[in-house]
Amino acid sequence: MSQRTLVLLKPDAVRRGLVGEIIGRIESKAGWKITALELRALERPTLEQHYAEHEGKPFYAPLVEFMLSGPSVAMVVEGERVIEGVRALAGPTDPIAAAPGSIRGDYGTIVRENLIHASDSEQSAERELKIFFPDFA
C-alpha cells in the first residue's frame, strides 16, 4: 500500500553534512520517491505544533531549542510501506541501541540530537504533513 510520510533531517544532520548521505539512503529504496523537499529554518510555532504531544515532558523544551538551533530539511517521501520503512531505516532514537546500517546506528551520537524524524503512523503522517507542507498534504 502506497503511503506518504514526513521526514525531517534535523539541525545536527545539516551541520554535520549528512543530508546527502541520508537522502541517498532514502532514494535507494526501490519504490520510494521524494516528492517535496525544502531546507528551512523552522519557527517556534511550527515546532510547538509538531511536538505538542510532548509538551510538559522533561525533554520538550530542550528538543524545541535544539530544533531552533539551525536549518532542517523537511521532505515528503512516498512509497510502499514508507512509514514503517523510514522508521526502520532511521533506527531507534538511542544511537547505542540502533543497529549498524541504520542512520542513527551509523551516525548518531546522543539521544536528543538524533539526526532524523519520521512519522510513526498514518495518522501522524497526515497531521505532520499538514503542518510542514499545508499546500501539499
N, C-alpha and C. Protein backbone atom coordinates (compact mmCIF):
# COMPACT_ATOMS: atom_id res chain seq x y z
N MET A 1 0.84 -1.17 0.00
CA MET A 1 0.00 0.00 0.00
C MET A 1 0.89 1.25 0.00
N SER A 2 0.68 2.13 -0.95
CA SER A 2 1.47 3.34 -1.03
C SER A 2 1.05 4.33 0.05
N GLN A 3 2.03 4.97 0.65
CA GLN A 3 1.80 5.93 1.74
C GLN A 3 2.67 7.16 1.50
N ARG A 4 2.37 8.21 2.29
CA ARG A 4 3.22 9.40 2.35
C ARG A 4 3.62 9.61 3.79
N THR A 5 4.85 10.09 4.00
CA THR A 5 5.33 10.37 5.34
C THR A 5 6.15 11.64 5.34
N LEU A 6 6.20 12.28 6.51
CA LEU A 6 7.07 13.42 6.70
C LEU A 6 8.41 12.92 7.23
N VAL A 7 9.48 13.44 6.66
CA VAL A 7 10.83 13.16 7.17
C VAL A 7 11.49 14.52 7.40
N LEU A 8 12.07 14.69 8.57
CA LEU A 8 12.85 15.87 8.88
C LEU A 8 14.30 15.45 9.11
N LEU A 9 15.22 16.09 8.43
CA LEU A 9 16.63 15.92 8.74
C LEU A 9 16.97 17.08 9.65
N LYS A 10 17.29 16.76 10.88
CA LYS A 10 17.39 17.74 11.95
C LYS A 10 18.68 18.57 11.83
N PRO A 11 18.77 19.65 12.63
CA PRO A 11 19.93 20.54 12.52
C PRO A 11 21.29 19.84 12.64
N ASP A 12 21.39 18.77 13.44
CA ASP A 12 22.67 18.08 13.53
C ASP A 12 23.04 17.39 12.24
N ALA A 13 22.07 16.85 11.51
CA ALA A 13 22.34 16.22 10.21
C ALA A 13 22.82 17.26 9.21
N VAL A 14 22.20 18.44 9.24
CA VAL A 14 22.61 19.52 8.32
C VAL A 14 24.00 20.00 8.70
N ARG A 15 24.24 20.28 9.98
CA ARG A 15 25.56 20.78 10.44
C ARG A 15 26.68 19.81 10.11
N ARG A 16 26.41 18.52 10.24
CA ARG A 16 27.45 17.51 10.04
C ARG A 16 27.61 17.09 8.58
N GLY A 17 26.85 17.69 7.68
CA GLY A 17 26.99 17.38 6.26
C GLY A 17 26.49 15.99 5.88
N LEU A 18 25.45 15.52 6.58
CA LEU A 18 24.93 14.17 6.33
C LEU A 18 23.67 14.16 5.47
N VAL A 19 23.22 15.31 5.02
CA VAL A 19 21.97 15.40 4.25
C VAL A 19 22.03 14.52 3.00
N GLY A 20 23.08 14.64 2.23
CA GLY A 20 23.20 13.85 1.00
C GLY A 20 23.23 12.36 1.27
N GLU A 21 23.96 11.95 2.30
CA GLU A 21 24.04 10.53 2.67
C GLU A 21 22.67 9.99 3.06
N ILE A 22 21.95 10.74 3.88
CA ILE A 22 20.64 10.27 4.36
C ILE A 22 19.64 10.25 3.21
N ILE A 23 19.63 11.30 2.40
CA ILE A 23 18.72 11.31 1.24
C ILE A 23 19.06 10.16 0.30
N GLY A 24 20.33 9.89 0.11
CA GLY A 24 20.74 8.77 -0.74
C GLY A 24 20.20 7.44 -0.25
N ARG A 25 20.20 7.25 1.06
CA ARG A 25 19.66 6.01 1.62
C ARG A 25 18.16 5.90 1.36
N ILE A 26 17.46 7.01 1.49
CA ILE A 26 16.02 7.01 1.23
C ILE A 26 15.76 6.75 -0.24
N GLU A 27 16.48 7.44 -1.12
CA GLU A 27 16.25 7.29 -2.56
C GLU A 27 16.64 5.92 -3.08
N SER A 28 17.55 5.23 -2.40
CA SER A 28 17.99 3.93 -2.89
C SER A 28 16.97 2.82 -2.65
N LYS A 29 15.97 3.09 -1.81
CA LYS A 29 14.94 2.08 -1.57
C LYS A 29 14.02 2.00 -2.79
N ALA A 30 13.89 0.84 -3.34
CA ALA A 30 13.05 0.65 -4.53
C ALA A 30 11.61 1.06 -4.24
N GLY A 31 11.08 1.91 -5.07
CA GLY A 31 9.69 2.30 -4.94
C GLY A 31 9.44 3.51 -4.07
N TRP A 32 10.47 4.02 -3.38
CA TRP A 32 10.30 5.23 -2.58
C TRP A 32 10.71 6.43 -3.41
N LYS A 33 9.99 7.54 -3.21
CA LYS A 33 10.23 8.73 -4.00
C LYS A 33 10.07 9.96 -3.11
N ILE A 34 11.02 10.88 -3.19
CA ILE A 34 10.90 12.16 -2.50
C ILE A 34 10.09 13.07 -3.40
N THR A 35 8.94 13.52 -2.91
CA THR A 35 8.04 14.32 -3.74
C THR A 35 8.01 15.80 -3.34
N ALA A 36 8.63 16.14 -2.23
CA ALA A 36 8.80 17.54 -1.82
C ALA A 36 10.00 17.59 -0.90
N LEU A 37 10.78 18.66 -1.00
CA LEU A 37 11.97 18.80 -0.19
C LEU A 37 12.30 20.28 -0.05
N GLU A 38 12.62 20.69 1.18
CA GLU A 38 12.94 22.09 1.41
C GLU A 38 13.88 22.22 2.60
N LEU A 39 14.93 23.01 2.42
CA LEU A 39 15.80 23.39 3.53
C LEU A 39 15.18 24.63 4.15
N ARG A 40 14.93 24.57 5.46
CA ARG A 40 14.29 25.73 6.09
C ARG A 40 14.69 25.85 7.55
N ALA A 41 14.66 27.09 8.02
CA ALA A 41 14.80 27.38 9.45
C ALA A 41 13.40 27.24 10.04
N LEU A 42 13.23 26.30 10.91
CA LEU A 42 11.91 26.07 11.49
C LEU A 42 11.62 27.12 12.55
N GLU A 43 10.37 27.49 12.65
CA GLU A 43 9.96 28.52 13.60
C GLU A 43 9.32 27.88 14.83
N ARG A 44 9.43 28.57 15.96
CA ARG A 44 8.91 28.06 17.22
C ARG A 44 7.44 27.62 17.13
N PRO A 45 6.53 28.42 16.55
CA PRO A 45 5.13 27.97 16.49
C PRO A 45 4.95 26.65 15.73
N THR A 46 5.72 26.47 14.68
CA THR A 46 5.66 25.22 13.91
C THR A 46 6.12 24.05 14.77
N LEU A 47 7.22 24.25 15.48
CA LEU A 47 7.76 23.19 16.33
C LEU A 47 6.84 22.89 17.51
N GLU A 48 6.26 23.92 18.08
CA GLU A 48 5.33 23.71 19.19
C GLU A 48 4.11 22.92 18.73
N GLN A 49 3.64 23.18 17.53
CA GLN A 49 2.52 22.41 16.99
C GLN A 49 2.95 20.97 16.70
N HIS A 50 4.11 20.82 16.11
CA HIS A 50 4.61 19.50 15.75
C HIS A 50 4.84 18.61 16.97
N TYR A 51 5.42 19.18 18.03
CA TYR A 51 5.75 18.42 19.23
C TYR A 51 4.73 18.59 20.35
N ALA A 52 3.53 19.05 20.04
CA ALA A 52 2.50 19.34 21.05
C ALA A 52 2.24 18.16 21.99
N GLU A 53 2.29 16.95 21.48
CA GLU A 53 2.01 15.77 22.32
C GLU A 53 3.05 15.57 23.41
N HIS A 54 4.22 16.21 23.26
CA HIS A 54 5.29 16.06 24.25
C HIS A 54 5.38 17.23 25.22
N GLU A 55 4.54 18.24 25.03
CA GLU A 55 4.59 19.41 25.90
C GLU A 55 4.44 18.98 27.36
N GLY A 56 5.27 19.55 28.22
CA GLY A 56 5.25 19.21 29.64
C GLY A 56 6.22 18.10 30.01
N LYS A 57 6.72 17.36 29.04
CA LYS A 57 7.70 16.31 29.32
C LYS A 57 9.08 16.96 29.48
N PRO A 58 9.97 16.34 30.23
CA PRO A 58 11.27 16.96 30.51
C PRO A 58 12.11 17.27 29.26
N PHE A 59 11.93 16.50 28.21
CA PHE A 59 12.76 16.70 27.02
C PHE A 59 12.17 17.70 26.04
N TYR A 60 10.94 18.18 26.30
CA TYR A 60 10.24 19.04 25.34
C TYR A 60 11.00 20.34 25.06
N ALA A 61 11.28 21.13 26.08
CA ALA A 61 11.93 22.44 25.87
C ALA A 61 13.32 22.28 25.23
N PRO A 62 14.18 21.37 25.72
CA PRO A 62 15.48 21.21 25.07
C PRO A 62 15.35 20.74 23.60
N LEU A 63 14.35 19.92 23.32
CA LEU A 63 14.13 19.47 21.95
C LEU A 63 13.76 20.63 21.04
N VAL A 64 12.83 21.47 21.48
CA VAL A 64 12.43 22.62 20.68
C VAL A 64 13.64 23.54 20.46
N GLU A 65 14.41 23.79 21.51
CA GLU A 65 15.59 24.66 21.37
C GLU A 65 16.61 24.06 20.39
N PHE A 66 16.81 22.76 20.47
CA PHE A 66 17.71 22.09 19.52
C PHE A 66 17.21 22.26 18.10
N MET A 67 15.92 22.07 17.88
CA MET A 67 15.36 22.19 16.53
C MET A 67 15.42 23.62 16.00
N LEU A 68 15.51 24.60 16.90
CA LEU A 68 15.67 26.00 16.51
C LEU A 68 17.13 26.38 16.25
N SER A 69 18.06 25.49 16.55
CA SER A 69 19.49 25.81 16.53
C SER A 69 20.10 25.93 15.14
N GLY A 70 19.38 25.55 14.12
CA GLY A 70 19.90 25.62 12.75
C GLY A 70 18.87 25.10 11.78
N PRO A 71 19.17 25.20 10.50
CA PRO A 71 18.21 24.74 9.49
C PRO A 71 18.01 23.23 9.52
N SER A 72 16.84 22.83 9.06
CA SER A 72 16.47 21.43 8.89
C SER A 72 16.03 21.22 7.45
N VAL A 73 16.03 19.98 7.04
CA VAL A 73 15.47 19.62 5.74
C VAL A 73 14.15 18.91 5.99
N ALA A 74 13.08 19.46 5.41
CA ALA A 74 11.76 18.84 5.51
C ALA A 74 11.44 18.20 4.17
N MET A 75 10.92 16.98 4.20
CA MET A 75 10.59 16.32 2.94
C MET A 75 9.38 15.41 3.07
N VAL A 76 8.75 15.20 1.95
CA VAL A 76 7.67 14.24 1.82
C VAL A 76 8.23 13.06 1.05
N VAL A 77 8.07 11.88 1.61
CA VAL A 77 8.53 10.66 0.96
C VAL A 77 7.32 9.77 0.75
N GLU A 78 7.19 9.25 -0.45
CA GLU A 78 6.06 8.39 -0.80
C GLU A 78 6.56 7.02 -1.23
N GLY A 79 5.73 6.01 -0.97
CA GLY A 79 6.07 4.67 -1.42
C GLY A 79 5.38 3.59 -0.61
N GLU A 80 5.65 2.39 -1.01
CA GLU A 80 5.08 1.21 -0.38
C GLU A 80 5.64 1.06 1.04
N ARG A 81 4.73 1.04 2.04
CA ARG A 81 5.10 0.85 3.44
C ARG A 81 6.20 1.82 3.89
N VAL A 82 6.17 3.04 3.37
CA VAL A 82 7.23 4.00 3.61
C VAL A 82 7.28 4.47 5.07
N ILE A 83 6.15 4.52 5.75
CA ILE A 83 6.14 4.97 7.15
C ILE A 83 6.96 4.01 8.00
N GLU A 84 6.62 2.76 7.93
CA GLU A 84 7.34 1.72 8.67
C GLU A 84 8.79 1.63 8.19
N GLY A 85 8.98 1.75 6.90
CA GLY A 85 10.31 1.58 6.32
C GLY A 85 11.29 2.67 6.70
N VAL A 86 10.85 3.93 6.66
CA VAL A 86 11.76 5.02 7.02
C VAL A 86 12.11 4.95 8.49
N ARG A 87 11.14 4.58 9.32
CA ARG A 87 11.44 4.45 10.75
C ARG A 87 12.47 3.33 10.99
N ALA A 88 12.37 2.24 10.26
CA ALA A 88 13.36 1.17 10.39
C ALA A 88 14.72 1.65 9.89
N LEU A 89 14.73 2.39 8.80
CA LEU A 89 15.97 2.93 8.25
C LEU A 89 16.62 3.91 9.23
N ALA A 90 15.80 4.70 9.92
CA ALA A 90 16.31 5.65 10.90
C ALA A 90 16.92 4.94 12.10
N GLY A 91 16.27 3.89 12.57
CA GLY A 91 16.72 3.18 13.77
C GLY A 91 16.16 3.81 15.03
N PRO A 92 16.31 3.15 16.17
CA PRO A 92 15.81 3.69 17.43
C PRO A 92 16.45 5.03 17.78
N THR A 93 15.75 5.82 18.58
CA THR A 93 16.23 7.14 18.98
C THR A 93 17.59 7.10 19.64
N ASP A 94 17.84 6.11 20.48
CA ASP A 94 19.12 5.97 21.16
C ASP A 94 20.14 5.37 20.19
N PRO A 95 21.17 6.12 19.83
CA PRO A 95 22.13 5.61 18.84
C PRO A 95 22.89 4.37 19.30
N ILE A 96 22.99 4.17 20.61
CA ILE A 96 23.66 2.98 21.12
C ILE A 96 22.80 1.74 20.86
N ALA A 97 21.48 1.90 20.92
CA ALA A 97 20.56 0.79 20.67
C ALA A 97 20.29 0.58 19.18
N ALA A 98 20.67 1.56 18.36
CA ALA A 98 20.39 1.48 16.92
C ALA A 98 21.41 0.55 16.25
N ALA A 99 20.90 -0.30 15.40
CA ALA A 99 21.76 -1.28 14.72
C ALA A 99 22.66 -0.61 13.68
N PRO A 100 23.87 -1.15 13.51
CA PRO A 100 24.70 -0.70 12.39
C PRO A 100 23.91 -0.87 11.09
N GLY A 101 24.06 0.08 10.20
CA GLY A 101 23.30 0.07 8.95
C GLY A 101 22.11 1.01 9.00
N SER A 102 21.65 1.32 10.21
CA SER A 102 20.59 2.33 10.33
C SER A 102 21.26 3.71 10.38
N ILE A 103 20.49 4.74 10.10
CA ILE A 103 21.05 6.10 10.10
C ILE A 103 21.58 6.45 11.48
N ARG A 104 20.79 6.23 12.51
CA ARG A 104 21.23 6.55 13.87
C ARG A 104 22.33 5.61 14.35
N GLY A 105 22.28 4.35 13.93
CA GLY A 105 23.33 3.41 14.30
C GLY A 105 24.67 3.77 13.70
N ASP A 106 24.66 4.30 12.49
CA ASP A 106 25.91 4.66 11.81
C ASP A 106 26.40 6.06 12.17
N TYR A 107 25.48 7.00 12.40
CA TYR A 107 25.89 8.40 12.55
C TYR A 107 25.44 9.06 13.85
N GLY A 108 24.56 8.43 14.62
CA GLY A 108 24.05 9.04 15.83
C GLY A 108 25.10 9.17 16.90
N THR A 109 24.96 10.22 17.73
CA THR A 109 25.90 10.42 18.82
C THR A 109 25.21 10.49 20.17
N ILE A 110 24.12 11.26 20.27
CA ILE A 110 23.37 11.36 21.52
C ILE A 110 21.87 11.27 21.24
N VAL A 111 21.10 10.94 22.26
CA VAL A 111 19.66 10.72 22.08
C VAL A 111 18.95 11.98 21.60
N ARG A 112 19.22 13.12 22.23
CA ARG A 112 18.47 14.34 21.89
C ARG A 112 18.74 14.81 20.47
N GLU A 113 19.98 14.71 20.02
CA GLU A 113 20.34 15.13 18.67
C GLU A 113 20.45 13.87 17.82
N ASN A 114 19.31 13.45 17.27
CA ASN A 114 19.25 12.12 16.66
C ASN A 114 19.01 12.12 15.16
N LEU A 115 19.41 13.20 14.49
CA LEU A 115 19.55 13.30 13.04
C LEU A 115 18.26 13.36 12.23
N ILE A 116 17.26 12.56 12.57
CA ILE A 116 16.12 12.38 11.66
C ILE A 116 14.82 12.19 12.44
N HIS A 117 13.76 12.71 11.87
CA HIS A 117 12.41 12.44 12.36
C HIS A 117 11.64 11.81 11.22
N ALA A 118 10.85 10.80 11.53
CA ALA A 118 9.95 10.19 10.56
C ALA A 118 8.63 9.90 11.26
N SER A 119 7.54 10.22 10.60
CA SER A 119 6.20 9.99 11.17
C SER A 119 6.08 8.54 11.62
N ASP A 120 5.35 8.33 12.74
CA ASP A 120 5.26 6.99 13.30
C ASP A 120 3.99 6.23 12.94
N SER A 121 3.05 6.87 12.23
CA SER A 121 1.81 6.19 11.84
C SER A 121 1.17 6.99 10.70
N GLU A 122 0.17 6.40 10.08
CA GLU A 122 -0.54 7.12 9.01
C GLU A 122 -1.22 8.37 9.55
N GLN A 123 -1.76 8.28 10.78
CA GLN A 123 -2.42 9.44 11.38
C GLN A 123 -1.41 10.55 11.67
N SER A 124 -0.26 10.18 12.23
CA SER A 124 0.79 11.17 12.49
C SER A 124 1.29 11.78 11.19
N ALA A 125 1.49 10.96 10.18
CA ALA A 125 1.97 11.47 8.89
C ALA A 125 0.99 12.49 8.32
N GLU A 126 -0.28 12.19 8.38
CA GLU A 126 -1.28 13.13 7.86
C GLU A 126 -1.24 14.45 8.63
N ARG A 127 -1.19 14.37 9.95
CA ARG A 127 -1.15 15.58 10.78
C ARG A 127 0.13 16.37 10.53
N GLU A 128 1.27 15.70 10.50
CA GLU A 128 2.55 16.36 10.34
C GLU A 128 2.73 16.96 8.95
N LEU A 129 2.26 16.27 7.94
CA LEU A 129 2.36 16.81 6.58
C LEU A 129 1.57 18.11 6.45
N LYS A 130 0.44 18.20 7.13
CA LYS A 130 -0.36 19.44 7.10
C LYS A 130 0.39 20.59 7.77
N ILE A 131 1.20 20.29 8.77
CA ILE A 131 1.98 21.33 9.45
C ILE A 131 3.11 21.83 8.57
N PHE A 132 3.86 20.92 7.95
CA PHE A 132 5.07 21.30 7.21
C PHE A 132 4.84 21.56 5.74
N PHE A 133 3.84 20.94 5.15
CA PHE A 133 3.54 21.12 3.73
C PHE A 133 2.03 21.30 3.55
N PRO A 134 1.46 22.40 4.07
CA PRO A 134 0.00 22.55 4.04
C PRO A 134 -0.60 22.59 2.64
N ASP A 135 0.16 23.05 1.66
CA ASP A 135 -0.36 23.10 0.29
C ASP A 135 -0.22 21.76 -0.42
N PHE A 136 0.58 20.89 0.14
CA PHE A 136 0.87 19.60 -0.49
C PHE A 136 0.00 18.49 0.08
N ALA A 137 -0.29 18.59 1.37
CA ALA A 137 -0.98 17.49 2.07
C ALA A 137 -2.42 17.32 1.66
